[in-house]
Amino acid sequence: MPKVILYNQKGEKKGDLEVSKKIFGAEYNEGLVHQALLRQLSNARPGVFAHTKTKADVKGGGAKPFRQKGTGRARQGSTRNPHYIGGGVAHGPRNNRNYEKDMPRKQRRLALYCALSAKMNENKIMALDTYDDKESKTKNLQVMLQNLPIEKDVLIVVAEKNESLAKAGNNLPFVKTLLVNYLNIADLQKYDNVLFLEEALNKVEEIFKLETNKTK
């Protein structure tokens, strides 16, 4: 069984926590993770506000500008064609474009398992027994993170809202606090380390087991 090292706020090791092999010990599938990441980024992409009219949308142009033959000029069907002044726009931006992508739930879950397992293999996942800071000071959080084996940025996963942790983390550009229910591919790819509060680590297995039971 995979194990995660448990620390306290002073950075001292308290022991190891056994975690699910299915979630934290899955075989890495690069194509599946890439597909899940593209889906998330595409679904978060805002719609285009710019909107141009095609020649079908522009008013006028019902009659031919001149007769078909006998003028020596190239034949024209409408003055609303894109090459005419005041005509429509060819291949311009349209605000009705949909960037959403779909992906089966089982594949999304497996991609998340792959991302967590990759972090696990790199020893980038650790656990914290609890975080208690009544002052909600950024300095206190920064000191705690310095005591942990964290070299770069970190994603802190909590089981429920923690105001003191959220307020302290908002002032640090390399820290993000996230509810375990919203664990996602994009954040796992963006942040180098993942710090689970012990309750969140227990809850992530509970959530995914419930998801697994529903899909059977």
C-alpha atoms as a PDB file:
ATOM      1  CA  MET A   1       0.000   0.000   0.000  1.00  0.00           C
ATOM      2  CA  PRO A   2       1.294   3.513  -0.797  1.00  0.00           C
ATOM      3  CA  LYS A   3       2.123   5.623   2.235  1.00  0.00           C
ATOM      4  CA  VAL A   4       2.084   9.382   2.781  1.00  0.00           C
ATOM      5  CA  ILE A   5       4.291  11.011   5.412  1.00  0.00           C
ATOM      6  CA  LEU A   6       2.317  12.868   8.084  1.00  0.00           C
ATOM      7  CA  TYR A   7       3.775  16.102   9.514  1.00  0.00           C
ATOM      8  CA  ASN A   8       2.722  18.545  12.205  1.00  0.00           C
ATOM      9  CA  GLN A   9       2.851  22.350  11.956  1.00  0.00           C
ATOM     10  CA  LYS A  10       6.438  22.386  13.244  1.00  0.00           C
ATOM     11  CA  GLY A  11       7.547  20.191  10.342  1.00  0.00           C
ATOM     12  CA  GLU A  12       8.102  17.138  12.525  1.00  0.00           C
ATOM     13  CA  LYS A  13       7.252  13.685  11.181  1.00  0.00           C
ATOM     14  CA  LYS A  14       4.426  12.001  13.053  1.00  0.00           C
ATOM     15  CA  GLY A  15       4.274   8.799  11.029  1.00  0.00           C
ATOM     16  CA  ASP A  16       2.926   7.357   7.798  1.00  0.00           C
ATOM     17  CA  LEU A  17      -0.631   7.175   6.474  1.00  0.00           C
ATOM     18  CA  GLU A  18      -1.668   4.327   4.230  1.00  0.00           C
ATOM     19  CA  VAL A  19      -3.613   5.474   1.169  1.00  0.00           C
ATOM     20  CA  SER A  20      -5.587   3.729  -1.527  1.00  0.00           C
ATOM     21  CA  LYS A  21      -3.473   1.994  -4.157  1.00  0.00           C
ATOM     22  CA  LYS A  22      -6.226   2.555  -6.712  1.00  0.00           C
ATOM     23  CA  ILE A  23      -6.084   6.334  -6.269  1.00  0.00           C
ATOM     24  CA  PHE A  24      -2.413   6.913  -5.433  1.00  0.00           C
ATOM     25  CA  GLY A  25      -0.829   3.906  -7.130  1.00  0.00           C
ATOM     26  CA  ALA A  26      -2.390   3.907 -10.592  1.00  0.00           C
ATOM     27  CA  GLU A  27      -0.351   3.340 -13.731  1.00  0.00           C
ATOM     28  CA  TYR A  28       0.332   6.641 -15.486  1.00  0.00           C
ATOM     29  CA  ASN A  29      -1.514   7.246 -18.757  1.00  0.00           C
ATOM     30  CA  GLU A  30      -0.134  10.399 -20.377  1.00  0.00           C
ATOM     31  CA  GLY A  31      -2.735  10.512 -23.158  1.00  0.00           C
ATOM     32  CA  LEU A  32      -5.634  10.282 -20.716  1.00  0.00           C
ATOM     33  CA  VAL A  33      -4.212  13.025 -18.472  1.00  0.00           C
ATOM     34  CA  HIS A  34      -3.653  15.260 -21.501  1.00  0.00           C
ATOM     35  CA  GLN A  35      -7.216  14.701 -22.694  1.00  0.00           C
ATOM     36  CA  ALA A  36      -8.645  15.523 -19.267  1.00  0.00           C
ATOM     37  CA  LEU A  37      -6.515  18.676 -19.029  1.00  0.00           C
ATOM     38  CA  LEU A  38      -7.653  19.880 -22.480  1.00  0.00           C
ATOM     39  CA  ARG A  39     -11.261  19.241 -21.503  1.00  0.00           C
ATOM     40  CA  GLN A  40     -10.979  21.283 -18.306  1.00  0.00           C
ATOM     41  CA  LEU A  41      -9.202  24.199 -19.988  1.00  0.00           C
ATOM     42  CA  SER A  42     -11.653  24.203 -22.911  1.00  0.00           C
ATOM     43  CA  ASN A  43     -14.686  24.174 -20.625  1.00  0.00           C
ATOM     44  CA  ALA A  44     -13.232  27.082 -18.652  1.00  0.00           C
ATOM     45  CA  ARG A  45     -12.614  29.101 -21.817  1.00  0.00           C
ATOM     46  CA  PRO A  46     -14.923  32.135 -22.055  1.00  0.00           C
ATOM     47  CA  GLY A  47     -17.017  32.770 -25.133  1.00  0.00           C
ATOM     48  CA  VAL A  48     -15.921  35.228 -27.816  1.00  0.00           C
ATOM     49  CA  PHE A  49     -17.547  38.657 -27.461  1.00  0.00           C
ATOM     50  CA  ALA A  50     -16.529  39.870 -30.929  1.00  0.00           C
ATOM     51  CA  HIS A  51     -19.145  39.031 -33.529  1.00  0.00           C
ATOM     52  CA  THR A  52     -18.931  39.790 -37.240  1.00  0.00           C
ATOM     53  CA  LYS A  53     -21.656  39.524 -39.845  1.00  0.00           C
ATOM     54  CA  THR A  54     -21.363  37.211 -42.795  1.00  0.00           C
ATOM     55  CA  LYS A  55     -22.715  38.201 -46.215  1.00  0.00           C
ATOM     56  CA  ALA A  56     -25.970  36.490 -45.235  1.00  0.00           C
ATOM     57  CA  ASP A  57     -26.378  38.808 -42.223  1.00  0.00           C
ATOM     58  CA  VAL A  58     -25.674  42.126 -43.972  1.00  0.00           C
ATOM     59  CA  LYS A  59     -28.725  44.012 -45.247  1.00  0.00           C
ATOM     60  CA  GLY A  60     -29.138  44.747 -48.938  1.00  0.00           C
ATOM     61  CA  GLY A  61     -27.495  43.157 -51.930  1.00  0.00           C
ATOM     62  CA  GLY A  62     -30.613  41.476 -53.258  1.00  0.00           C
ATOM     63  CA  ALA A  63     -30.038  42.467 -56.878  1.00  0.00           C
ATOM     64  CA  LYS A  64     -26.963  41.830 -58.987  1.00  0.00           C
ATOM     65  CA  PRO A  65     -24.744  44.944 -59.197  1.00  0.00           C
ATOM     66  CA  PHE A  66     -24.639  44.635 -63.024  1.00  0.00           C
ATOM     67  CA  ARG A  67     -25.676  42.149 -65.687  1.00  0.00           C
ATOM     68  CA  GLN A  68     -23.955  38.807 -65.956  1.00  0.00           C
ATOM     69  CA  LYS A  69     -22.399  39.236 -69.429  1.00  0.00           C
ATOM     70  CA  GLY A  70     -21.370  41.918 -71.849  1.00  0.00           C
ATOM     71  CA  THR A  71     -19.668  44.376 -69.484  1.00  0.00           C
ATOM     72  CA  GLY A  72     -16.169  42.927 -69.673  1.00  0.00           C
ATOM     73  CA  ARG A  73     -16.029  42.736 -65.871  1.00  0.00           C
ATOM     74  CA  ALA A  74     -15.966  39.717 -63.625  1.00  0.00           C
ATOM     75  CA  ARG A  75     -19.439  38.439 -62.791  1.00  0.00           C
ATOM     76  CA  GLN A  76     -20.825  39.478 -59.413  1.00  0.00           C
ATOM     77  CA  GLY A  77     -23.847  38.156 -57.568  1.00  0.00           C
ATOM     78  CA  SER A  78     -24.170  40.636 -54.693  1.00  0.00           C
ATOM     79  CA  THR A  79     -22.644  43.798 -53.275  1.00  0.00           C
ATOM     80  CA  ARG A  80     -22.723  42.127 -49.842  1.00  0.00           C
ATOM     81  CA  ASN A  81     -19.839  39.799 -50.741  1.00  0.00           C
ATOM     82  CA  PRO A  82     -16.737  40.121 -48.488  1.00  0.00           C
ATOM     83  CA  HIS A  83     -14.601  41.885 -51.117  1.00  0.00           C
ATOM     84  CA  TYR A  84     -17.106  44.765 -51.408  1.00  0.00           C
ATOM     85  CA  ILE A  85     -17.021  47.774 -49.096  1.00  0.00           C
ATOM     86  CA  GLY A  86     -19.870  47.332 -46.637  1.00  0.00           C
ATOM     87  CA  GLY A  87     -20.060  43.622 -47.351  1.00  0.00           C
ATOM     88  CA  GLY A  88     -19.901  40.733 -44.927  1.00  0.00           C
ATOM     89  CA  VAL A  89     -16.750  39.389 -43.257  1.00  0.00           C
ATOM     90  CA  ALA A  90     -15.335  36.021 -44.268  1.00  0.00           C
ATOM     91  CA  HIS A  91     -14.142  33.710 -41.442  1.00  0.00           C
ATOM     92  CA  GLY A  92     -14.545  36.418 -38.791  1.00  0.00           C
ATOM     93  CA  PRO A  93     -15.155  35.770 -35.062  1.00  0.00           C
ATOM     94  CA  ARG A  94     -18.637  34.604 -34.082  1.00  0.00           C
ATOM     95  CA  ASN A  95     -20.014  34.704 -30.551  1.00  0.00           C
ATOM     96  CA  ASN A  96     -21.953  31.466 -30.931  1.00  0.00           C
ATOM     97  CA  ARG A  97     -18.906  29.206 -30.912  1.00  0.00           C
ATOM     98  CA  ASN A  98     -18.920  26.499 -28.251  1.00  0.00           C
ATOM     99  CA  TYR A  99     -15.559  25.347 -26.839  1.00  0.00           C
ATOM    100  CA  GLU A 100     -16.953  22.720 -24.447  1.00  0.00           C
ATOM    101  CA  LYS A 101     -15.560  19.188 -24.584  1.00  0.00           C
ATOM    102  CA  ASP A 102     -17.029  16.062 -23.060  1.00  0.00           C
ATOM    103  CA  MET A 103     -15.311  13.087 -21.450  1.00  0.00           C
ATOM    104  CA  PRO A 104     -16.745  10.023 -19.689  1.00  0.00           C
ATOM    105  CA  ARG A 105     -16.768  10.182 -15.893  1.00  0.00           C
ATOM    106  CA  LYS A 106     -14.703   6.992 -15.512  1.00  0.00           C
ATOM    107  CA  GLN A 107     -11.980   8.393 -17.760  1.00  0.00           C
ATOM    108  CA  ARG A 108     -11.934  11.701 -15.854  1.00  0.00           C
ATOM    109  CA  ARG A 109     -11.556   9.849 -12.563  1.00  0.00           C
ATOM    110  CA  LEU A 110      -8.807   7.623 -13.933  1.00  0.00           C
ATOM    111  CA  ALA A 111      -6.939  10.671 -15.246  1.00  0.00           C
ATOM    112  CA  LEU A 112      -7.125  12.216 -11.772  1.00  0.00           C
ATOM    113  CA  TYR A 113      -5.799   8.996 -10.241  1.00  0.00           C
ATOM    114  CA  CYS A 114      -2.920   9.051 -12.743  1.00  0.00           C
ATOM    115  CA  ALA A 115      -2.026  12.646 -11.831  1.00  0.00           C
ATOM    116  CA  LEU A 116      -2.119  11.889  -8.091  1.00  0.00           C
ATOM    117  CA  SER A 117      -0.090   8.716  -8.580  1.00  0.00           C
ATOM    118  CA  ALA A 118       2.543  10.612 -10.563  1.00  0.00           C
ATOM    119  CA  LYS A 119       2.909  13.086  -7.686  1.00  0.00           C
ATOM    120  CA  MET A 120       3.103  10.153  -5.295  1.00  0.00           C
ATOM    121  CA  ASN A 121       5.924   8.511  -7.247  1.00  0.00           C
ATOM    122  CA  GLU A 122       7.864  11.795  -7.171  1.00  0.00           C
ATOM    123  CA  ASN A 123       7.368  12.109  -3.375  1.00  0.00           C
ATOM    124  CA  LYS A 124       5.462  15.344  -3.925  1.00  0.00           C
ATOM    125  CA  ILE A 125       2.455  14.397  -1.779  1.00  0.00           C
ATOM    126  CA  MET A 126       2.502  14.861   1.986  1.00  0.00           C
ATOM    127  CA  ALA A 127      -0.012  15.249   4.802  1.00  0.00           C
ATOM    128  CA  LEU A 128      -0.488  17.689   7.676  1.00  0.00           C
ATOM    129  CA  ASP A 129      -2.244  16.575  10.856  1.00  0.00           C
ATOM    130  CA  THR A 130      -3.974  19.918  11.394  1.00  0.00           C
ATOM    131  CA  TYR A 131      -3.548  23.638  10.848  1.00  0.00           C
ATOM    132  CA  ASP A 132      -4.492  25.995  13.654  1.00  0.00           C
ATOM    133  CA  ASP A 133      -3.659  29.689  13.449  1.00  0.00           C
ATOM    134  CA  LYS A 134      -6.095  32.015  15.204  1.00  0.00           C
ATOM    135  CA  GLU A 135      -4.161  35.063  13.968  1.00  0.00           C
ATOM    136  CA  SER A 136      -4.541  34.031  10.294  1.00  0.00           C
ATOM    137  CA  LYS A 137      -1.110  35.482   9.538  1.00  0.00           C
ATOM    138  CA  THR A 138       0.646  34.830   6.255  1.00  0.00           C
ATOM    139  CA  LYS A 139       3.987  34.766   8.046  1.00  0.00           C
ATOM    140  CA  ASN A 140       2.917  31.837  10.221  1.00  0.00           C
ATOM    141  CA  LEU A 141       1.874  29.823   7.173  1.00  0.00           C
ATOM    142  CA  GLN A 142       5.094  30.685   5.391  1.00  0.00           C
ATOM    143  CA  VAL A 143       7.192  29.540   8.350  1.00  0.00           C
ATOM    144  CA  MET A 144       5.265  26.266   8.502  1.00  0.00           C
ATOM    145  CA  LEU A 145       5.796  25.604   4.769  1.00  0.00           C
ATOM    146  CA  GLN A 146       9.508  26.323   5.150  1.00  0.00           C
ATOM    147  CA  ASN A 147       9.700  23.582   7.777  1.00  0.00           C
ATOM    148  CA  LEU A 148       8.257  21.074   5.309  1.00  0.00           C
ATOM    149  CA  PRO A 149      10.171  19.512   2.369  1.00  0.00           C
ATOM    150  CA  ILE A 150       8.569  21.868  -0.147  1.00  0.00           C
ATOM    151  CA  GLU A 151      10.901  23.398  -2.723  1.00  0.00           C
ATOM    152  CA  LYS A 152       8.474  25.209  -5.041  1.00  0.00           C
ATOM    153  CA  ASP A 153       4.767  25.983  -5.083  1.00  0.00           C
ATOM    154  CA  VAL A 154       2.195  23.961  -3.178  1.00  0.00           C
ATOM    155  CA  LEU A 155      -1.474  23.045  -3.458  1.00  0.00           C
ATOM    156  CA  ILE A 156      -3.062  22.749  -0.011  1.00  0.00           C
ATOM    157  CA  VAL A 157      -6.099  20.461  -0.020  1.00  0.00           C
ATOM    158  CA  VAL A 158      -8.599  20.828   2.838  1.00  0.00           C
ATOM    159  CA  ALA A 159     -11.707  18.831   3.758  1.00  0.00           C
ATOM    160  CA  GLU A 160     -13.819  21.903   4.550  1.00  0.00           C
ATOM    161  CA  LYS A 161     -13.460  25.666   4.499  1.00  0.00           C
ATOM    162  CA  ASN A 162     -10.634  26.930   6.672  1.00  0.00           C
ATOM    163  CA  GLU A 163     -10.784  30.731   6.841  1.00  0.00           C
ATOM    164  CA  SER A 164      -7.461  31.233   8.611  1.00  0.00           C
ATOM    165  CA  LEU A 165      -5.638  29.038   6.106  1.00  0.00           C
ATOM    166  CA  ALA A 166      -7.374  30.612   3.115  1.00  0.00           C
ATOM    167  CA  LYS A 167      -6.625  34.176   4.247  1.00  0.00           C
ATOM    168  CA  ALA A 168      -2.983  33.387   4.956  1.00  0.00           C
ATOM    169  CA  GLY A 169      -2.529  31.564   1.658  1.00  0.00           C
ATOM    170  CA  ASN A 170      -4.096  34.300  -0.477  1.00  0.00           C
ATOM    171  CA  ASN A 171      -1.060  36.524   0.072  1.00  0.00           C
ATOM    172  CA  LEU A 172       1.416  33.912  -1.147  1.00  0.00           C
ATOM    173  CA  PRO A 173       1.613  33.624  -4.957  1.00  0.00           C
ATOM    174  CA  PHE A 174       3.005  30.085  -4.770  1.00  0.00           C
ATOM    175  CA  VAL A 175       0.200  28.730  -2.551  1.00  0.00           C
ATOM    176  CA  LYS A 176      -3.364  27.747  -3.395  1.00  0.00           C
ATOM    177  CA  THR A 177      -5.956  26.370  -0.989  1.00  0.00           C
ATOM    178  CA  LEU A 178      -8.506  23.987  -2.484  1.00  0.00           C
ATOM    179  CA  LEU A 179     -11.432  21.978  -1.163  1.00  0.00           C
ATOM    180  CA  VAL A 180     -10.967  18.266  -1.717  1.00  0.00           C
ATOM    181  CA  ASN A 181     -14.270  18.149  -3.652  1.00  0.00           C
ATOM    182  CA  TYR A 182     -12.729  20.433  -6.301  1.00  0.00           C
ATOM    183  CA  LEU A 183      -9.505  18.488  -6.803  1.00  0.00           C
ATOM    184  CA  ASN A 184      -8.734  18.723 -10.514  1.00  0.00           C
ATOM    185  CA  ILE A 185      -6.192  17.944 -13.217  1.00  0.00           C
ATOM    186  CA  ALA A 186      -5.202  21.552 -13.995  1.00  0.00           C
ATOM    187  CA  ASP A 187      -4.157  22.378 -10.420  1.00  0.00           C
ATOM    188  CA  LEU A 188      -2.306  19.077 -10.040  1.00  0.00           C
ATOM    189  CA  GLN A 189      -0.343  19.878 -13.195  1.00  0.00           C
ATOM    190  CA  LYS A 190       0.310  23.494 -12.188  1.00  0.00           C
ATOM    191  CA  TYR A 191       1.500  23.027  -8.598  1.00  0.00           C
ATOM    192  CA  ASP A 192       4.620  21.039  -7.847  1.00  0.00           C
ATOM    193  CA  ASN A 193       3.703  19.810  -4.355  1.00  0.00           C
ATOM    194  CA  VAL A 194       0.398  18.706  -2.832  1.00  0.00           C
ATOM    195  CA  LEU A 195      -0.214  19.067   0.891  1.00  0.00           C
ATOM    196  CA  PHE A 196      -3.285  17.244   2.211  1.00  0.00           C
ATOM    197  CA  LEU A 197      -4.720  17.974   5.586  1.00  0.00           C
ATOM    198  CA  GLU A 198      -5.265  14.603   7.252  1.00  0.00           C
ATOM    199  CA  GLU A 199      -9.055  14.968   7.141  1.00  0.00           C
ATOM    200  CA  ALA A 200      -8.915  15.805   3.431  1.00  0.00           C
ATOM    201  CA  LEU A 201      -6.773  12.751   2.712  1.00  0.00           C
ATOM    202  CA  ASN A 202      -9.372  10.538   4.370  1.00  0.00           C
ATOM    203  CA  LYS A 203     -12.191  12.318   2.587  1.00  0.00           C
ATOM    204  CA  VAL A 204     -10.682  12.012  -0.889  1.00  0.00           C
ATOM    205  CA  GLU A 205     -10.767   8.234  -0.592  1.00  0.00           C
ATOM    206  CA  GLU A 206     -14.322   8.372   0.735  1.00  0.00           C
ATOM    207  CA  ILE A 207     -15.474  10.573  -2.165  1.00  0.00           C
ATOM    208  CA  PHE A 208     -13.876   8.457  -4.861  1.00  0.00           C
ATOM    209  CA  LYS A 209     -15.142   5.213  -3.338  1.00  0.00           C
ATOM    210  CA  LEU A 210     -18.681   6.598  -3.407  1.00  0.00           C
ATOM    211  CA  GLU A 211     -18.138   7.667  -7.020  1.00  0.00           C
ATOM    212  CA  THR A 212     -16.890   4.173  -7.853  1.00  0.00           C
ATOM    213  CA  ASN A 213     -19.893   2.512  -6.242  1.00  0.00           C
ATOM    214  CA  LYS A 214     -22.300   4.737  -8.184  1.00  0.00           C
ATOM    215  CA  THR A 215     -20.759   3.849 -11.520  1.00  0.00           C
ATOM    216  CA  LYS A 216     -20.998   0.102 -11.000  1.00  0.00           C
END
